[in-house]
Amino acid sequence: MFEGLFQPIHLLLIVVIPLVVVTPFWRIFKKAGFNPWLSILMLIPLVNFATLWYVAFARGSAEKPK
């Protein structure tokens, strides 16, 4: 009944797609002075929008007074 439901390519996609999503955000958050672990939140629907809004409107390391 479910013979063709799960193929080996699915396992590859389950690993590759999160890496493709998380890696750029990891670099962006790190360069902006935020904790890079916030990039894991980009995999959770709706939470990713809240994270982007938080990062977009928070004071980054370049805006903080010295």
PDB file of N, CA and C in Angstrom:
ATOM      1  N   MET A   1       0.817  -1.197   0.000  1.00  0.00           N
ATOM      2  CA  MET A   1       0.000   0.000   0.000  1.00  0.00           C
ATOM      3  C   MET A   1       0.863   1.265   0.000  1.00  0.00           C
ATOM      4  N   PHE A   2       1.908   1.327   0.859  1.00  0.00           N
ATOM      5  CA  PHE A   2       2.749   2.516   0.950  1.00  0.00           C
ATOM      6  C   PHE A   2       4.152   2.269   0.398  1.00  0.00           C
ATOM      7  N   GLU A   3       4.291   1.388  -0.570  1.00  0.00           N
ATOM      8  CA  GLU A   3       5.609   0.989  -1.048  1.00  0.00           C
ATOM      9  C   GLU A   3       6.406   2.147  -1.638  1.00  0.00           C
ATOM     10  N   GLY A   4       5.821   2.987  -2.418  1.00  0.00           N
ATOM     11  CA  GLY A   4       6.551   4.065  -3.073  1.00  0.00           C
ATOM     12  C   GLY A   4       6.448   5.390  -2.355  1.00  0.00           C
ATOM     13  N   LEU A   5       5.972   5.379  -1.126  1.00  0.00           N
ATOM     14  CA  LEU A   5       5.726   6.633  -0.410  1.00  0.00           C
ATOM     15  C   LEU A   5       7.007   7.332   0.019  1.00  0.00           C
ATOM     16  N   PHE A   6       7.967   6.597   0.533  1.00  0.00           N
ATOM     17  CA  PHE A   6       9.188   7.216   1.046  1.00  0.00           C
ATOM     18  C   PHE A   6      10.385   6.664   0.287  1.00  0.00           C
ATOM     19  N   GLN A   7      11.008   7.521  -0.486  1.00  0.00           N
ATOM     20  CA  GLN A   7      12.158   7.140  -1.294  1.00  0.00           C
ATOM     21  C   GLN A   7      13.436   7.668  -0.636  1.00  0.00           C
ATOM     22  N   PRO A   8      14.604   7.119  -0.992  1.00  0.00           N
ATOM     23  CA  PRO A   8      15.862   7.625  -0.426  1.00  0.00           C
ATOM     24  C   PRO A   8      16.096   9.110  -0.714  1.00  0.00           C
ATOM     25  N   ILE A   9      15.548   9.601  -1.816  1.00  0.00           N
ATOM     26  CA  ILE A   9      15.707  11.032  -2.128  1.00  0.00           C
ATOM     27  C   ILE A   9      15.030  11.895  -1.067  1.00  0.00           C
ATOM     28  N   HIS A  10      13.982  11.393  -0.442  1.00  0.00           N
ATOM     29  CA  HIS A  10      13.305  12.148   0.615  1.00  0.00           C
ATOM     30  C   HIS A  10      14.233  12.379   1.805  1.00  0.00           C
ATOM     31  N   LEU A  11      14.995  11.362   2.166  1.00  0.00           N
ATOM     32  CA  LEU A  11      15.940  11.509   3.267  1.00  0.00           C
ATOM     33  C   LEU A  11      16.986  12.556   2.931  1.00  0.00           C
ATOM     34  N   LEU A  12      17.446  12.549   1.700  1.00  0.00           N
ATOM     35  CA  LEU A  12      18.412  13.558   1.254  1.00  0.00           C
ATOM     36  C   LEU A  12      17.817  14.960   1.345  1.00  0.00           C
ATOM     37  N   LEU A  13      16.579  15.106   0.925  1.00  0.00           N
ATOM     38  CA  LEU A  13      15.919  16.418   0.982  1.00  0.00           C
ATOM     39  C   LEU A  13      15.687  16.880   2.418  1.00  0.00           C
ATOM     40  N   ILE A  14      15.394  15.929   3.307  1.00  0.00           N
ATOM     41  CA  ILE A  14      15.181  16.274   4.709  1.00  0.00           C
ATOM     42  C   ILE A  14      16.457  16.830   5.323  1.00  0.00           C
ATOM     43  N   VAL A  15      17.606  16.430   4.825  1.00  0.00           N
ATOM     44  CA  VAL A  15      18.893  16.920   5.333  1.00  0.00           C
ATOM     45  C   VAL A  15      19.336  18.171   4.593  1.00  0.00           C
ATOM     46  N   VAL A  16      19.160  18.207   3.291  1.00  0.00           N
ATOM     47  CA  VAL A  16      19.708  19.295   2.468  1.00  0.00           C
ATOM     48  C   VAL A  16      18.914  20.592   2.619  1.00  0.00           C
ATOM     49  N   ILE A  17      17.611  20.518   2.583  1.00  0.00           N
ATOM     50  CA  ILE A  17      16.801  21.745   2.622  1.00  0.00           C
ATOM     51  C   ILE A  17      17.020  22.537   3.909  1.00  0.00           C
ATOM     52  N   PRO A  18      17.028  21.925   5.089  1.00  0.00           N
ATOM     53  CA  PRO A  18      17.332  22.730   6.281  1.00  0.00           C
ATOM     54  C   PRO A  18      18.737  23.349   6.242  1.00  0.00           C
ATOM     55  N   LEU A  19      19.702  22.649   5.695  1.00  0.00           N
ATOM     56  CA  LEU A  19      21.047  23.228   5.582  1.00  0.00           C
ATOM     57  C   LEU A  19      21.058  24.436   4.653  1.00  0.00           C
ATOM     58  N   VAL A  20      20.299  24.346   3.575  1.00  0.00           N
ATOM     59  CA  VAL A  20      20.234  25.456   2.615  1.00  0.00           C
ATOM     60  C   VAL A  20      19.527  26.658   3.235  1.00  0.00           C
ATOM     61  N   VAL A  21      18.583  26.426   4.117  1.00  0.00           N
ATOM     62  CA  VAL A  21      17.852  27.525   4.762  1.00  0.00           C
ATOM     63  C   VAL A  21      18.649  28.102   5.929  1.00  0.00           C
ATOM     64  N   VAL A  22      19.202  27.259   6.777  1.00  0.00           N
ATOM     65  CA  VAL A  22      19.823  27.710   8.022  1.00  0.00           C
ATOM     66  C   VAL A  22      21.186  28.354   7.789  1.00  0.00           C
ATOM     67  N   THR A  23      21.986  27.844   6.889  1.00  0.00           N
ATOM     68  CA  THR A  23      23.356  28.331   6.708  1.00  0.00           C
ATOM     69  C   THR A  23      23.440  29.826   6.401  1.00  0.00           C
ATOM     70  N   PRO A  24      22.677  30.355   5.437  1.00  0.00           N
ATOM     71  CA  PRO A  24      22.775  31.805   5.201  1.00  0.00           C
ATOM     72  C   PRO A  24      22.331  32.645   6.393  1.00  0.00           C
ATOM     73  N   PHE A  25      21.260  32.209   7.052  1.00  0.00           N
ATOM     74  CA  PHE A  25      20.795  32.967   8.210  1.00  0.00           C
ATOM     75  C   PHE A  25      21.799  32.899   9.350  1.00  0.00           C
ATOM     76  N   TRP A  26      22.474  31.791   9.514  1.00  0.00           N
ATOM     77  CA  TRP A  26      23.525  31.653  10.527  1.00  0.00           C
ATOM     78  C   TRP A  26      24.582  32.732  10.300  1.00  0.00           C
ATOM     79  N   ARG A  27      25.032  32.880   9.060  1.00  0.00           N
ATOM     80  CA  ARG A  27      26.064  33.870   8.733  1.00  0.00           C
ATOM     81  C   ARG A  27      25.553  35.298   8.921  1.00  0.00           C
ATOM     82  N   ILE A  28      24.312  35.544   8.510  1.00  0.00           N
ATOM     83  CA  ILE A  28      23.733  36.884   8.637  1.00  0.00           C
ATOM     84  C   ILE A  28      23.615  37.277  10.104  1.00  0.00           C
ATOM     85  N   PHE A  29      23.064  36.388  10.935  1.00  0.00           N
ATOM     86  CA  PHE A  29      22.890  36.700  12.356  1.00  0.00           C
ATOM     87  C   PHE A  29      24.233  36.895  13.034  1.00  0.00           C
ATOM     88  N   LYS A  30      25.210  36.092  12.671  1.00  0.00           N
ATOM     89  CA  LYS A  30      26.532  36.200  13.280  1.00  0.00           C
ATOM     90  C   LYS A  30      27.185  37.538  12.915  1.00  0.00           C
ATOM     91  N   LYS A  31      27.098  37.926  11.651  1.00  0.00           N
ATOM     92  CA  LYS A  31      27.694  39.199  11.213  1.00  0.00           C
ATOM     93  C   LYS A  31      26.960  40.405  11.788  1.00  0.00           C
ATOM     94  N   ALA A  32      25.675  40.248  12.056  1.00  0.00           N
ATOM     95  CA  ALA A  32      24.892  41.345  12.612  1.00  0.00           C
ATOM     96  C   ALA A  32      25.053  41.465  14.122  1.00  0.00           C
ATOM     97  N   GLY A  33      25.772  40.525  14.729  1.00  0.00           N
ATOM     98  CA  GLY A  33      26.014  40.598  16.162  1.00  0.00           C
ATOM     99  C   GLY A  33      24.988  39.870  17.006  1.00  0.00           C
ATOM    100  N   PHE A  34      24.148  39.060  16.387  1.00  0.00           N
ATOM    101  CA  PHE A  34      23.153  38.285  17.114  1.00  0.00           C
ATOM    102  C   PHE A  34      23.664  36.871  17.308  1.00  0.00           C
ATOM    103  N   ASN A  35      23.015  36.145  18.194  1.00  0.00           N
ATOM    104  CA  ASN A  35      23.366  34.752  18.421  1.00  0.00           C
ATOM    105  C   ASN A  35      23.024  33.954  17.156  1.00  0.00           C
ATOM    106  N   PRO A  36      23.997  33.288  16.543  1.00  0.00           N
ATOM    107  CA  PRO A  36      23.707  32.561  15.304  1.00  0.00           C
ATOM    108  C   PRO A  36      22.720  31.406  15.471  1.00  0.00           C
ATOM    109  N   TRP A  37      22.513  30.945  16.701  1.00  0.00           N
ATOM    110  CA  TRP A  37      21.548  29.870  16.917  1.00  0.00           C
ATOM    111  C   TRP A  37      20.120  30.308  16.620  1.00  0.00           C
ATOM    112  N   LEU A  38      19.886  31.623  16.469  1.00  0.00           N
ATOM    113  CA  LEU A  38      18.557  32.098  16.071  1.00  0.00           C
ATOM    114  C   LEU A  38      18.171  31.567  14.694  1.00  0.00           C
ATOM    115  N   SER A  39      19.163  31.196  13.897  1.00  0.00           N
ATOM    116  CA  SER A  39      18.878  30.712  12.548  1.00  0.00           C
ATOM    117  C   SER A  39      18.072  29.422  12.555  1.00  0.00           C
ATOM    118  N   ILE A  40      18.145  28.639  13.634  1.00  0.00           N
ATOM    119  CA  ILE A  40      17.351  27.414  13.728  1.00  0.00           C
ATOM    120  C   ILE A  40      15.860  27.756  13.750  1.00  0.00           C
ATOM    121  N   LEU A  41      15.518  28.915  14.285  1.00  0.00           N
ATOM    122  CA  LEU A  41      14.113  29.322  14.331  1.00  0.00           C
ATOM    123  C   LEU A  41      13.539  29.581  12.944  1.00  0.00           C
ATOM    124  N   MET A  42      14.393  29.740  11.942  1.00  0.00           N
ATOM    125  CA  MET A  42      13.921  29.988  10.591  1.00  0.00           C
ATOM    126  C   MET A  42      13.248  28.759   9.983  1.00  0.00           C
ATOM    127  N   LEU A  43      13.364  27.618  10.605  1.00  0.00           N
ATOM    128  CA  LEU A  43      12.719  26.399  10.117  1.00  0.00           C
ATOM    129  C   LEU A  43      11.284  26.250  10.620  1.00  0.00           C
ATOM    130  N   ILE A  44      10.878  27.083  11.582  1.00  0.00           N
ATOM    131  CA  ILE A  44       9.552  26.976  12.191  1.00  0.00           C
ATOM    132  C   ILE A  44       8.632  28.027  11.568  1.00  0.00           C
ATOM    133  N   PRO A  45       7.570  27.591  10.901  1.00  0.00           N
ATOM    134  CA  PRO A  45       6.654  28.561  10.280  1.00  0.00           C
ATOM    135  C   PRO A  45       6.100  29.545  11.311  1.00  0.00           C
ATOM    136  N   LEU A  46       5.919  30.756  10.905  1.00  0.00           N
ATOM    137  CA  LEU A  46       5.436  31.904  11.676  1.00  0.00           C
ATOM    138  C   LEU A  46       6.468  32.404  12.682  1.00  0.00           C
ATOM    139  N   VAL A  47       7.191  31.521  13.313  1.00  0.00           N
ATOM    140  CA  VAL A  47       8.261  31.959  14.214  1.00  0.00           C
ATOM    141  C   VAL A  47       9.369  32.611  13.389  1.00  0.00           C
ATOM    142  N   ASN A  48       9.565  32.139  12.151  1.00  0.00           N
ATOM    143  CA  ASN A  48      10.601  32.727  11.310  1.00  0.00           C
ATOM    144  C   ASN A  48      10.291  34.196  11.006  1.00  0.00           C
ATOM    145  N   PHE A  49       9.029  34.539  10.812  1.00  0.00           N
ATOM    146  CA  PHE A  49       8.679  35.945  10.583  1.00  0.00           C
ATOM    147  C   PHE A  49       8.967  36.793  11.823  1.00  0.00           C
ATOM    148  N   ALA A  50       8.620  36.281  12.987  1.00  0.00           N
ATOM    149  CA  ALA A  50       8.879  37.013  14.225  1.00  0.00           C
ATOM    150  C   ALA A  50      10.379  37.203  14.436  1.00  0.00           C
ATOM    151  N   THR A  51      11.169  36.193  14.108  1.00  0.00           N
ATOM    152  CA  THR A  51      12.625  36.302  14.246  1.00  0.00           C
ATOM    153  C   THR A  51      13.180  37.353  13.308  1.00  0.00           C
ATOM    154  N   LEU A  52      12.723  37.345  12.070  1.00  0.00           N
ATOM    155  CA  LEU A  52      13.187  38.357  11.112  1.00  0.00           C
ATOM    156  C   LEU A  52      12.812  39.766  11.561  1.00  0.00           C
ATOM    157  N   TRP A  53      11.612  39.930  12.080  1.00  0.00           N
ATOM    158  CA  TRP A  53      11.200  41.244  12.563  1.00  0.00           C
ATOM    159  C   TRP A  53      12.052  41.673  13.760  1.00  0.00           C
ATOM    160  N   TYR A  54      12.335  40.738  14.646  1.00  0.00           N
ATOM    161  CA  TYR A  54      13.178  41.036  15.806  1.00  0.00           C
ATOM    162  C   TYR A  54      14.559  41.505  15.358  1.00  0.00           C
ATOM    163  N   VAL A  55      15.154  40.788  14.437  1.00  0.00           N
ATOM    164  CA  VAL A  55      16.497  41.133  13.965  1.00  0.00           C
ATOM    165  C   VAL A  55      16.471  42.430  13.167  1.00  0.00           C
ATOM    166  N   ALA A  56      15.444  42.633  12.374  1.00  0.00           N
ATOM    167  CA  ALA A  56      15.370  43.820  11.530  1.00  0.00           C
ATOM    168  C   ALA A  56      15.262  45.110  12.342  1.00  0.00           C
ATOM    169  N   PHE A  57      14.543  45.061  13.449  1.00  0.00           N
ATOM    170  CA  PHE A  57      14.294  46.287  14.197  1.00  0.00           C
ATOM    171  C   PHE A  57      15.062  46.396  15.507  1.00  0.00           C
ATOM    172  N   ALA A  58      15.860  45.410  15.842  1.00  0.00           N
ATOM    173  CA  ALA A  58      16.698  45.488  17.044  1.00  0.00           C
ATOM    174  C   ALA A  58      17.968  46.274  16.716  1.00  0.00           C
ATOM    175  N   ARG A  59      18.578  46.781  17.726  1.00  0.00           N
ATOM    176  CA  ARG A  59      19.834  47.480  17.518  1.00  0.00           C
ATOM    177  C   ARG A  59      20.933  46.465  17.299  1.00  0.00           C
ATOM    178  N   GLY A  60      21.601  46.573  16.165  1.00  0.00           N
ATOM    179  CA  GLY A  60      22.707  45.672  15.858  1.00  0.00           C
ATOM    180  C   GLY A  60      23.997  46.187  16.478  1.00  0.00           C
ATOM    181  N   SER A  61      25.073  45.451  16.285  1.00  0.00           N
ATOM    182  CA  SER A  61      26.348  45.844  16.857  1.00  0.00           C
ATOM    183  C   SER A  61      26.874  47.125  16.230  1.00  0.00           C
ATOM    184  N   ALA A  62      26.484  47.421  14.994  1.00  0.00           N
ATOM    185  CA  ALA A  62      26.940  48.647  14.336  1.00  0.00           C
ATOM    186  C   ALA A  62      26.216  49.884  14.874  1.00  0.00           C
ATOM    187  N   GLU A  63      25.003  49.720  15.411  1.00  0.00           N
ATOM    188  CA  GLU A  63      24.216  50.854  15.895  1.00  0.00           C
ATOM    189  C   GLU A  63      24.407  51.138  17.374  1.00  0.00           C
ATOM    190  N   LYS A  64      25.024  50.228  18.110  1.00  0.00           N
ATOM    191  CA  LYS A  64      25.179  50.415  19.547  1.00  0.00           C
ATOM    192  C   LYS A  64      26.194  51.513  19.821  1.00  0.00           C
ATOM    193  N   PRO A  65      25.890  52.377  20.774  1.00  0.00           N
ATOM    194  CA  PRO A  65      26.841  53.440  21.114  1.00  0.00           C
ATOM    195  C   PRO A  65      28.107  52.851  21.727  1.00  0.00           C
ATOM    196  N   LYS A  66      29.220  53.499  21.442  1.00  0.00           N
ATOM    197  CA  LYS A  66      30.505  53.005  21.946  1.00  0.00           C
ATOM    198  C   LYS A  66      30.853  53.592  23.290  1.00  0.00           C
TER     199      LYS A  66
END
